[in-house]
Amino acid sequence: MKNLMAHEAWRLVWILAIGIIAGLISSHFWAAIAIVLLAYCVWLLHHLFQLNRWIEKGLKRSEAPTSSGVLENIISNIYRLKTSKKRSKKRLARLLRQFRASAEALPEATVILTTLGEIQWLNEAAENLLGLQTPRDIGQRIDNLIRNPEFREFLFAKDRTEELRLASPVDSAVKVSYRLINYGKERLLLTVRDVSVRERLDRMRSEFVSNASHELRTPLTVIRGYLEVMSEDKTCSDEVCEKMGIILEQASYMENIIDEMLTLSRLESSELGAAEGEIFSVSKILQKLVADAVQSGKAAAGQITINADEKLCMLGIESEIISVCSNLLYNALQHNPELTPVELQWFRSGSSAPCLLVSDDGVGIEQRHLSRLTERFYRVDSSRTRESGGTGLGLAIVKYIVQRHGGRIDISSTPAVGSTFTCCFSKTRAVKCDDEKNQQA
């Protein structure tokens, strides 16, 4: 840069020198200098016009104008920028081809949308699974092509964490799962996969569990009946009576497992409508559960505190919500030391959803266990759970009941500090208790 400035400065000095010499010789000093400077400006304009014409013709190297100094450097920089931009375009085009080839190879249907739901791109799997076509449907709103109220609600929902399962628009016998995530700036990425096989396997598993549980229940009831009669026999020895009691206890434990497996099977195989159920007070349910726990000796007076909105009722299946409250409360009592403080809350969250919160100041749970707590038969400590009479199905039942009522369960815990279980239901389940007609909130 300094060399260029020096070169141009010397050029101007030489031009002025020529003008001064010409002025002294011709006796028209200022006129001669003006003529020389004007000639220099004309020379510069000529080269600038050549540069402009070269740019308009596409910056071909063979047609680059000849010049020197700053103009030569400008021409060189322009050509270098053009070459760099051309290389970048080729690289981007190659990456784009690779992306499209990868996206086309995906077994899942993939659709790129605007935030308004307009289709910008889709792969071949989307054509097969959703019946969309390229280029016919590019620019079309996807909710005009997939006409389903649930899909439209899912498309414009703020929560992008949930999936939606519906019949495929192409074949009603095929079940597909939709997932939607934010993609880039004001873009949405819709992925769709065929879950028919998984749905069928889940249904088969559920039917097997239900049938097996029913088949086991009858002989187990007979065995338990005989055990109860035999345990009442006064002539049996102490050792025999003791062993009979252990067997009877294990039979009862098996009955509890079967009952809860049947409950899970029923919850999985049935759906709950948005307006289905009855209106009831969750606050009263909590008060009764606490009173029963104190009366049965499972909790001490004052150990459990209730902070419930008595004006907030719920629309749903009362027996199922009682099961949720009972499972969470007795888990907090059974899996912590005696007299561990437990708090029950029933409130409306910031999003207006009715929420149940059960927290304790107990032993807590390690982070690695939290994501699996609602799995069937998963136990943090199997020996402790068995001793307390747990089956390992309670939290799985809680999860399915909460999901049936349009909600989700969140679990947070810190070892030696305590645990918190929060169940938030669909906001459409919130009902005002103080209205005689119990109008929905």
Protein backbone atom coordinates (compact mmCIF):
# COMPACT_ATOMS: atom_id res chain seq x y z
CA MET A 1 0.00 0.00 0.00
CA LYS A 2 2.82 2.43 0.85
CA ASN A 3 4.59 1.62 -2.43
CA LEU A 4 1.40 2.36 -4.38
CA MET A 5 0.94 5.69 -2.62
CA ALA A 6 4.57 6.61 -3.30
CA HIS A 7 4.22 5.58 -6.97
CA GLU A 8 1.10 7.71 -7.47
CA ALA A 9 2.67 10.62 -5.59
CA TRP A 10 5.75 10.56 -7.87
CA ARG A 11 3.51 10.33 -10.94
CA LEU A 12 1.62 13.47 -9.82
CA VAL A 13 4.94 15.24 -9.08
CA TRP A 14 6.21 14.45 -12.59
CA ILE A 15 2.96 15.68 -14.16
CA LEU A 16 3.16 18.95 -12.20
CA ALA A 17 6.82 19.29 -13.16
CA ILE A 18 5.93 18.92 -16.84
CA GLY A 19 3.20 21.54 -16.42
CA ILE A 20 5.56 23.98 -14.71
CA ILE A 21 8.25 23.56 -17.39
CA ALA A 22 5.66 24.02 -20.16
CA GLY A 23 4.31 27.12 -18.43
CA LEU A 24 7.74 28.68 -18.09
CA ILE A 25 8.56 28.03 -21.75
CA SER A 26 5.19 29.25 -23.09
CA SER A 27 4.84 32.20 -20.70
CA HIS A 28 1.33 30.85 -19.84
CA PHE A 29 2.19 29.32 -16.51
CA TRP A 30 -1.22 28.49 -14.99
CA ALA A 31 -2.78 27.61 -18.30
CA ALA A 32 -0.06 25.08 -18.99
CA ILE A 33 -0.48 23.48 -15.55
CA ALA A 34 -4.30 23.31 -16.03
CA ILE A 35 -3.88 21.66 -19.44
CA VAL A 36 -1.49 19.07 -18.05
CA LEU A 37 -3.80 18.24 -15.10
CA LEU A 38 -6.80 18.05 -17.45
CA ALA A 39 -4.92 15.58 -19.63
CA TYR A 40 -4.14 13.51 -16.54
CA CYS A 41 -7.86 13.46 -15.60
CA VAL A 42 -8.81 12.42 -19.13
CA TRP A 43 -6.26 9.59 -18.92
CA LEU A 44 -7.74 8.45 -15.60
CA LEU A 45 -11.31 8.59 -16.98
CA HIS A 46 -10.26 6.56 -20.02
CA HIS A 47 -8.86 3.80 -17.81
CA LEU A 48 -11.91 3.91 -15.51
CA PHE A 49 -14.23 3.45 -18.50
CA GLN A 50 -12.10 0.52 -19.64
CA LEU A 51 -12.36 -0.97 -16.13
CA ASN A 52 -16.15 -0.54 -16.13
CA ARG A 53 -16.47 -2.16 -19.57
CA TRP A 54 -14.31 -5.08 -18.39
CA ILE A 55 -16.55 -5.59 -15.34
CA GLU A 56 -19.70 -5.49 -17.50
CA LYS A 57 -18.27 -8.13 -19.85
CA GLY A 58 -17.76 -10.62 -17.05
CA LEU A 59 -14.22 -9.95 -15.78
CA LYS A 60 -12.44 -12.19 -18.28
CA ARG A 61 -8.71 -12.35 -17.59
CA SER A 62 -7.80 -12.12 -21.29
CA GLU A 63 -9.78 -8.85 -21.69
CA ALA A 64 -8.42 -7.12 -18.58
CA PRO A 65 -7.36 -3.52 -19.38
CA THR A 66 -3.67 -2.67 -19.17
CA SER A 67 -2.72 -0.04 -16.63
CA SER A 68 -0.26 0.72 -13.90
CA GLY A 69 -0.15 1.87 -10.32
CA VAL A 70 -3.39 1.90 -8.30
CA LEU A 71 -5.57 0.99 -11.29
CA GLU A 72 -3.47 -2.08 -12.03
CA ASN A 73 -3.76 -3.13 -8.38
CA ILE A 74 -7.55 -2.59 -8.43
CA ILE A 75 -7.87 -4.78 -11.53
CA SER A 76 -5.77 -7.51 -9.92
CA ASN A 77 -7.82 -7.43 -6.68
CA ILE A 78 -11.14 -7.55 -8.55
CA TYR A 79 -10.02 -10.60 -10.51
CA ARG A 80 -8.76 -12.30 -7.33
CA LEU A 81 -12.11 -11.66 -5.59
CA LYS A 82 -13.94 -13.06 -8.61
CA THR A 83 -11.80 -16.19 -8.57
CA SER A 84 -12.30 -16.64 -4.80
CA LYS A 85 -16.07 -16.15 -5.14
CA LYS A 86 -16.18 -18.66 -7.99
CA ARG A 87 -14.36 -21.23 -5.86
CA SER A 88 -16.77 -20.56 -2.97
CA LYS A 89 -19.76 -21.05 -5.26
CA LYS A 90 -18.37 -24.35 -6.49
CA ARG A 91 -17.75 -25.47 -2.92
CA LEU A 92 -21.26 -24.47 -1.85
CA ALA A 93 -22.76 -26.18 -4.88
CA ARG A 94 -20.84 -29.35 -4.04
CA LEU A 95 -21.98 -29.23 -0.42
CA LEU A 96 -25.55 -28.62 -1.54
CA ARG A 97 -25.40 -31.64 -3.87
CA GLN A 98 -24.00 -33.75 -1.03
CA PHE A 99 -26.75 -32.52 1.34
CA ARG A 100 -29.48 -33.28 -1.17
CA ALA A 101 -28.02 -36.70 -1.89
CA SER A 102 -27.85 -37.45 1.85
CA ALA A 103 -31.38 -36.17 2.43
CA GLU A 104 -32.70 -38.19 -0.50
CA ALA A 105 -31.06 -41.31 0.95
CA LEU A 106 -32.77 -40.88 4.32
CA PRO A 107 -35.49 -43.47 4.97
CA GLU A 108 -37.49 -40.82 6.83
CA ALA A 109 -39.60 -38.34 4.93
CA THR A 110 -38.00 -34.90 5.21
CA VAL A 111 -39.67 -31.60 4.34
CA ILE A 112 -38.24 -28.08 4.76
CA LEU A 113 -40.94 -25.51 5.51
CA THR A 114 -41.24 -21.81 6.17
CA THR A 115 -42.76 -20.71 9.47
CA LEU A 116 -46.04 -20.28 7.55
CA GLY A 117 -45.96 -23.95 6.54
CA GLU A 118 -44.96 -23.38 2.90
CA ILE A 119 -42.99 -26.27 1.36
CA GLN A 120 -39.49 -25.31 0.18
CA TRP A 121 -37.95 -28.74 -0.36
CA LEU A 122 -38.79 -32.40 0.16
CA ASN A 123 -37.09 -35.74 -0.42
CA GLU A 124 -38.31 -38.82 -2.25
CA ALA A 125 -39.48 -40.51 0.97
CA ALA A 126 -41.88 -37.58 1.53
CA GLU A 127 -43.40 -38.24 -1.88
CA ASN A 128 -43.96 -41.91 -1.04
CA LEU A 129 -45.13 -41.49 2.56
CA LEU A 130 -47.10 -38.24 2.35
CA GLY A 131 -48.13 -38.14 -1.30
CA LEU A 132 -46.32 -34.83 -1.94
CA GLN A 133 -44.77 -34.14 -5.35
CA THR A 134 -41.88 -32.06 -6.68
CA PRO A 135 -42.10 -29.48 -8.20
CA ARG A 136 -45.90 -29.36 -8.09
CA ASP A 137 -46.17 -28.80 -4.33
CA ILE A 138 -43.17 -26.50 -3.84
CA GLY A 139 -44.47 -23.21 -2.43
CA GLN A 140 -47.77 -24.77 -1.32
CA ARG A 141 -48.83 -24.74 2.34
CA ILE A 142 -48.49 -28.24 3.69
CA ASP A 143 -51.63 -27.96 5.84
CA ASN A 144 -53.60 -27.45 2.61
CA LEU A 145 -52.22 -30.75 1.30
CA ILE A 146 -52.45 -32.73 4.57
CA ARG A 147 -55.91 -31.77 5.72
CA ASN A 148 -56.13 -32.82 9.36
CA PRO A 149 -57.07 -30.54 12.30
CA GLU A 150 -54.60 -32.33 14.61
CA PHE A 151 -51.78 -31.89 12.09
CA ARG A 152 -52.56 -28.18 11.66
CA GLU A 153 -52.55 -27.67 15.43
CA PHE A 154 -49.27 -29.58 15.67
CA LEU A 155 -47.73 -27.53 12.82
CA PHE A 156 -48.28 -24.17 14.51
CA ALA A 157 -47.79 -25.26 18.14
CA LYS A 158 -45.08 -23.48 20.15
CA ASP A 159 -43.86 -26.72 21.74
CA ARG A 160 -41.56 -28.55 19.30
CA THR A 161 -40.71 -31.44 21.66
CA GLU A 162 -43.80 -33.60 21.12
CA GLU A 163 -44.47 -35.99 18.26
CA LEU A 164 -47.77 -36.54 16.48
CA ARG A 165 -48.98 -39.94 15.28
CA LEU A 166 -51.58 -40.09 12.54
CA ALA A 167 -52.60 -42.27 9.62
CA SER A 168 -50.62 -41.59 6.46
CA PRO A 169 -52.43 -39.34 3.93
CA VAL A 170 -51.53 -41.92 1.26
CA ASP A 171 -52.63 -45.11 3.08
CA SER A 172 -54.87 -45.05 6.15
CA ALA A 173 -53.48 -48.45 7.20
CA VAL A 174 -50.01 -46.93 7.64
CA LYS A 175 -49.30 -45.06 10.89
CA VAL A 176 -46.73 -42.25 10.69
CA SER A 177 -44.99 -40.17 13.32
CA TYR A 178 -44.44 -36.43 12.71
CA ARG A 179 -41.65 -34.42 14.36
CA LEU A 180 -41.03 -30.73 13.82
CA ILE A 181 -37.94 -28.70 14.78
CA ASN A 182 -36.74 -25.17 14.13
CA TYR A 183 -34.26 -25.17 11.26
CA GLY A 184 -32.06 -22.21 10.39
CA LYS A 185 -33.60 -18.75 10.27
CA GLU A 186 -37.39 -18.84 10.01
CA ARG A 187 -37.36 -22.42 8.72
CA LEU A 188 -38.92 -25.63 10.00
CA LEU A 189 -37.71 -29.17 9.44
CA LEU A 190 -40.49 -31.76 9.33
CA THR A 191 -39.47 -35.41 9.61
CA VAL A 192 -41.98 -38.24 9.16
CA ARG A 193 -41.38 -41.95 9.65
CA ASP A 194 -43.44 -45.07 9.33
CA VAL A 195 -44.21 -46.45 12.80
CA SER A 196 -46.74 -49.08 11.72
CA VAL A 197 -44.48 -51.98 12.65
CA ARG A 198 -43.69 -50.49 16.05
CA GLU A 199 -47.36 -49.76 16.66
CA ARG A 200 -48.22 -53.33 15.77
CA LEU A 201 -45.49 -54.72 18.03
CA ASP A 202 -46.61 -52.47 20.89
CA ARG A 203 -50.18 -53.63 20.42
CA MET A 204 -49.08 -57.28 20.35
CA ARG A 205 -46.99 -56.77 23.49
CA SER A 206 -49.85 -55.04 25.25
CA GLU A 207 -52.28 -57.82 24.26
CA PHE A 208 -49.81 -60.48 25.40
CA VAL A 209 -49.30 -58.78 28.78
CA SER A 210 -53.05 -58.37 29.20
CA ASN A 211 -53.83 -61.98 28.24
CA ALA A 212 -50.97 -63.40 30.31
CA SER A 213 -52.03 -61.34 33.32
CA HIS A 214 -55.62 -62.54 33.02
CA GLU A 215 -54.46 -66.16 32.70
CA LEU A 216 -52.16 -65.84 35.72
CA ARG A 217 -54.72 -64.10 37.88
CA THR A 218 -57.18 -67.02 38.12
CA PRO A 219 -54.77 -69.74 39.32
CA LEU A 220 -53.02 -67.27 41.59
CA THR A 221 -56.34 -66.38 43.23
CA VAL A 222 -57.00 -70.09 43.83
CA ILE A 223 -53.51 -70.59 45.29
CA ARG A 224 -53.89 -67.57 47.52
CA GLY A 225 -57.27 -68.81 48.74
CA TYR A 226 -55.86 -72.21 49.73
CA LEU A 227 -52.90 -70.51 51.41
CA GLU A 228 -55.20 -68.32 53.50
CA VAL A 229 -57.19 -71.40 54.61
CA MET A 230 -54.03 -73.35 55.40
CA SER A 231 -52.46 -70.45 57.29
CA GLU A 232 -55.49 -70.40 59.63
CA ASP A 233 -54.85 -74.04 60.62
CA LYS A 234 -53.96 -73.99 64.33
CA THR A 235 -52.36 -77.43 64.20
CA CYS A 236 -49.45 -76.47 61.92
CA SER A 237 -46.02 -76.07 63.48
CA ASP A 238 -44.46 -72.63 63.95
CA GLU A 239 -41.97 -73.25 61.15
CA VAL A 240 -44.69 -74.31 58.70
CA CYS A 241 -46.94 -71.41 59.67
CA GLU A 242 -44.05 -68.99 59.21
CA LYS A 243 -43.28 -70.35 55.74
CA MET A 244 -46.96 -70.27 54.84
CA GLY A 245 -47.02 -66.60 55.80
CA ILE A 246 -44.00 -65.87 53.56
CA ILE A 247 -45.63 -67.70 50.64
CA LEU A 248 -48.89 -65.82 51.21
CA GLU A 249 -47.00 -62.54 51.27
CA GLN A 250 -45.27 -63.34 47.96
CA ALA A 251 -48.61 -64.40 46.44
CA SER A 252 -50.05 -61.02 47.43
CA TYR A 253 -47.01 -59.33 45.90
CA MET A 254 -47.60 -61.22 42.63
CA GLU A 255 -51.26 -60.22 42.67
CA ASN A 256 -50.24 -56.58 42.99
CA ILE A 257 -47.92 -56.93 39.98
CA ILE A 258 -50.64 -58.56 37.89
CA ASP A 259 -53.19 -55.90 38.88
CA GLU A 260 -50.80 -53.11 37.90
CA MET A 261 -49.86 -54.84 34.65
CA LEU A 262 -53.54 -55.04 33.78
CA THR A 263 -53.93 -51.38 34.69
CA LEU A 264 -51.03 -50.45 32.41
CA SER A 265 -52.48 -52.56 29.60
CA ARG A 266 -55.84 -50.81 29.95
CA LEU A 267 -54.23 -47.36 29.96
CA GLU A 268 -52.19 -48.14 26.85
CA SER A 269 -55.07 -49.54 24.86
CA SER A 270 -57.61 -46.80 25.55
CA GLU A 271 -57.69 -43.12 24.69
CA LEU A 272 -59.24 -40.28 26.65
CA GLY A 273 -61.18 -37.62 24.77
CA ALA A 274 -60.41 -33.96 25.37
CA ALA A 275 -63.80 -33.36 27.03
CA GLU A 276 -64.17 -36.84 28.56
CA GLY A 277 -64.34 -37.39 32.30
CA GLU A 278 -65.91 -35.83 35.36
CA ILE A 279 -65.20 -32.71 37.37
CA PHE A 280 -63.63 -33.19 40.80
CA SER A 281 -61.51 -31.41 43.40
CA VAL A 282 -57.84 -32.41 43.49
CA SER A 283 -57.42 -30.45 46.71
CA LYS A 284 -59.90 -32.73 48.48
CA ILE A 285 -58.16 -35.82 47.08
CA LEU A 286 -54.84 -34.64 48.53
CA GLN A 287 -56.39 -33.88 51.91
CA LYS A 288 -57.97 -37.34 52.11
CA LEU A 289 -54.75 -39.11 51.07
CA VAL A 290 -52.77 -37.24 53.72
CA ALA A 291 -55.37 -38.03 56.39
CA ASP A 292 -55.30 -41.74 55.42
CA ALA A 293 -51.48 -41.79 55.49
CA VAL A 294 -51.40 -40.30 59.01
CA GLN A 295 -54.19 -42.57 60.26
CA SER A 296 -52.47 -45.71 58.90
CA GLY A 297 -49.17 -44.71 60.48
CA LYS A 298 -47.33 -44.29 57.18
CA ALA A 299 -46.78 -40.61 57.93
CA ALA A 300 -46.56 -38.52 61.09
CA ALA A 301 -48.83 -35.59 61.83
CA GLY A 302 -47.36 -32.45 60.30
CA GLN A 303 -44.90 -34.37 58.13
CA ILE A 304 -46.88 -33.64 54.94
CA THR A 305 -47.83 -30.08 54.00
CA ILE A 306 -50.46 -29.23 51.39
CA ASN A 307 -50.43 -26.06 49.32
CA ALA A 308 -53.40 -26.45 46.98
CA ASP A 309 -55.60 -24.03 45.07
CA GLU A 310 -59.03 -25.02 46.36
CA LYS A 311 -60.75 -23.11 43.53
CA LEU A 312 -58.93 -25.13 40.87
CA CYS A 313 -60.72 -28.36 39.96
CA MET A 314 -60.03 -30.80 37.17
CA LEU A 315 -61.89 -32.50 34.34
CA GLY A 316 -60.77 -36.10 33.97
CA ILE A 317 -60.98 -39.61 35.39
CA GLU A 318 -61.02 -39.18 39.16
CA SER A 319 -59.86 -42.72 39.99
CA GLU A 320 -56.83 -42.29 37.72
CA ILE A 321 -55.83 -38.96 39.26
CA ILE A 322 -56.21 -40.50 42.72
CA SER A 323 -53.77 -43.20 41.55
CA VAL A 324 -51.29 -40.52 40.40
CA CYS A 325 -51.48 -38.62 43.71
CA SER A 326 -51.31 -41.82 45.77
CA ASN A 327 -48.34 -43.28 43.88
CA LEU A 328 -46.29 -40.10 44.10
CA LEU A 329 -47.12 -39.50 47.78
CA TYR A 330 -46.37 -43.04 48.94
CA ASN A 331 -43.17 -43.14 46.88
CA ALA A 332 -41.99 -40.05 48.77
CA LEU A 333 -42.90 -41.68 52.10
CA GLN A 334 -41.57 -45.18 51.41
CA HIS A 335 -38.25 -44.37 49.79
CA ASN A 336 -37.05 -41.80 52.33
CA PRO A 337 -36.16 -41.91 56.03
CA GLU A 338 -38.97 -41.55 58.56
CA LEU A 339 -40.28 -38.04 59.23
CA THR A 340 -38.83 -36.73 55.93
CA PRO A 341 -40.80 -33.54 55.08
CA VAL A 342 -43.06 -33.94 52.04
CA GLU A 343 -44.91 -31.13 50.26
CA LEU A 344 -47.92 -31.45 47.94
CA GLN A 345 -48.85 -28.60 45.61
CA TRP A 346 -51.80 -28.18 43.27
CA PHE A 347 -51.63 -25.00 41.21
CA ARG A 348 -52.01 -23.39 37.82
CA SER A 349 -48.68 -22.92 36.00
CA GLY A 350 -47.60 -19.87 33.99
CA SER A 351 -49.05 -21.48 30.85
CA SER A 352 -52.40 -21.96 32.68
CA ALA A 353 -51.93 -25.74 32.86
CA PRO A 354 -53.10 -27.41 36.12
CA CYS A 355 -50.09 -28.97 37.84
CA LEU A 356 -49.51 -31.43 40.68
CA LEU A 357 -46.15 -31.21 42.45
CA VAL A 358 -44.83 -33.68 45.03
CA SER A 359 -41.47 -32.82 46.60
CA ASP A 360 -39.45 -34.18 49.50
CA ASP A 361 -36.25 -33.37 51.38
CA GLY A 362 -35.08 -36.97 51.31
CA VAL A 363 -32.17 -38.99 50.00
CA GLY A 364 -32.60 -37.91 46.38
CA ILE A 365 -31.83 -39.83 43.19
CA GLU A 366 -28.69 -39.78 41.05
CA GLN A 367 -29.00 -38.03 37.71
CA ARG A 368 -28.29 -41.19 35.67
CA HIS A 369 -31.51 -42.80 36.94
CA LEU A 370 -33.95 -39.92 36.28
CA SER A 371 -34.64 -40.58 32.58
CA ARG A 372 -35.53 -44.23 33.28
CA LEU A 373 -37.67 -43.88 36.41
CA THR A 374 -40.94 -44.19 34.49
CA GLU A 375 -39.88 -47.40 32.71
CA ARG A 376 -41.63 -50.63 33.70
CA PHE A 377 -39.91 -52.50 36.53
CA TYR A 378 -36.98 -50.04 36.61
CA ARG A 379 -35.64 -49.74 40.13
CA VAL A 380 -32.95 -47.45 41.51
CA ASP A 381 -32.42 -49.97 44.33
CA SER A 382 -34.21 -53.27 43.71
CA SER A 383 -33.79 -54.57 47.25
CA ARG A 384 -35.19 -51.43 48.80
CA THR A 385 -38.16 -51.40 46.43
CA ARG A 386 -39.01 -55.04 47.12
CA GLU A 387 -38.81 -54.52 50.89
CA SER A 388 -41.19 -51.57 50.68
CA GLY A 389 -43.69 -53.60 48.67
CA GLY A 390 -43.15 -51.71 45.39
CA THR A 391 -43.68 -53.42 42.05
CA GLY A 392 -41.64 -51.05 39.88
CA LEU A 393 -44.77 -50.16 37.88
CA GLY A 394 -46.10 -47.21 39.87
CA LEU A 395 -44.31 -44.42 37.99
CA ALA A 396 -45.04 -46.08 34.64
CA ILE A 397 -48.74 -45.97 35.54
CA VAL A 398 -48.38 -42.33 36.61
CA LYS A 399 -46.76 -41.44 33.25
CA TYR A 400 -49.51 -43.08 31.18
CA ILE A 401 -52.29 -41.49 33.21
CA VAL A 402 -50.73 -38.04 32.88
CA GLN A 403 -50.29 -38.53 29.13
CA ARG A 404 -53.91 -39.66 28.80
CA HIS A 405 -54.90 -36.34 30.34
CA GLY A 406 -52.80 -34.40 27.82
CA GLY A 407 -49.85 -33.76 30.11
CA ARG A 408 -46.33 -34.78 30.96
CA ILE A 409 -44.29 -35.62 34.06
CA ASP A 410 -40.98 -33.93 34.89
CA ILE A 411 -38.59 -35.30 37.51
CA SER A 412 -35.75 -33.43 39.18
CA SER A 413 -33.62 -34.70 42.02
CA THR A 414 -30.35 -34.07 43.84
CA PRO A 415 -28.73 -36.72 46.06
CA ALA A 416 -28.92 -35.85 49.79
CA VAL A 417 -31.18 -32.86 48.95
CA GLY A 418 -34.47 -34.29 47.72
CA SER A 419 -36.69 -35.02 44.74
CA THR A 420 -39.51 -33.22 42.94
CA PHE A 421 -42.12 -34.84 40.70
CA THR A 422 -44.22 -32.39 38.66
CA CYS A 423 -47.24 -33.50 36.61
CA CYS A 424 -48.74 -30.79 34.40
CA PHE A 425 -51.95 -31.65 32.55
CA SER A 426 -53.56 -30.10 29.50
CA LYS A 427 -54.83 -26.59 30.29
CA THR A 428 -58.24 -27.63 28.94
CA ARG A 429 -58.48 -29.87 32.05
CA ALA A 430 -58.54 -26.84 34.37
CA VAL A 431 -61.99 -26.13 35.84
CA LYS A 432 -63.19 -23.52 38.32
CA CYS A 433 -64.46 -25.13 41.51
CA ASP A 434 -66.35 -22.12 42.81
CA ASP A 435 -68.78 -22.05 39.86
CA GLU A 436 -71.94 -23.99 40.62
CA LYS A 437 -72.07 -25.21 37.05
CA ASN A 438 -68.31 -25.90 37.06
CA GLN A 439 -67.69 -24.09 33.80
CA GLN A 440 -64.28 -24.80 32.23
CA ALA A 441 -61.66 -22.19 33.06
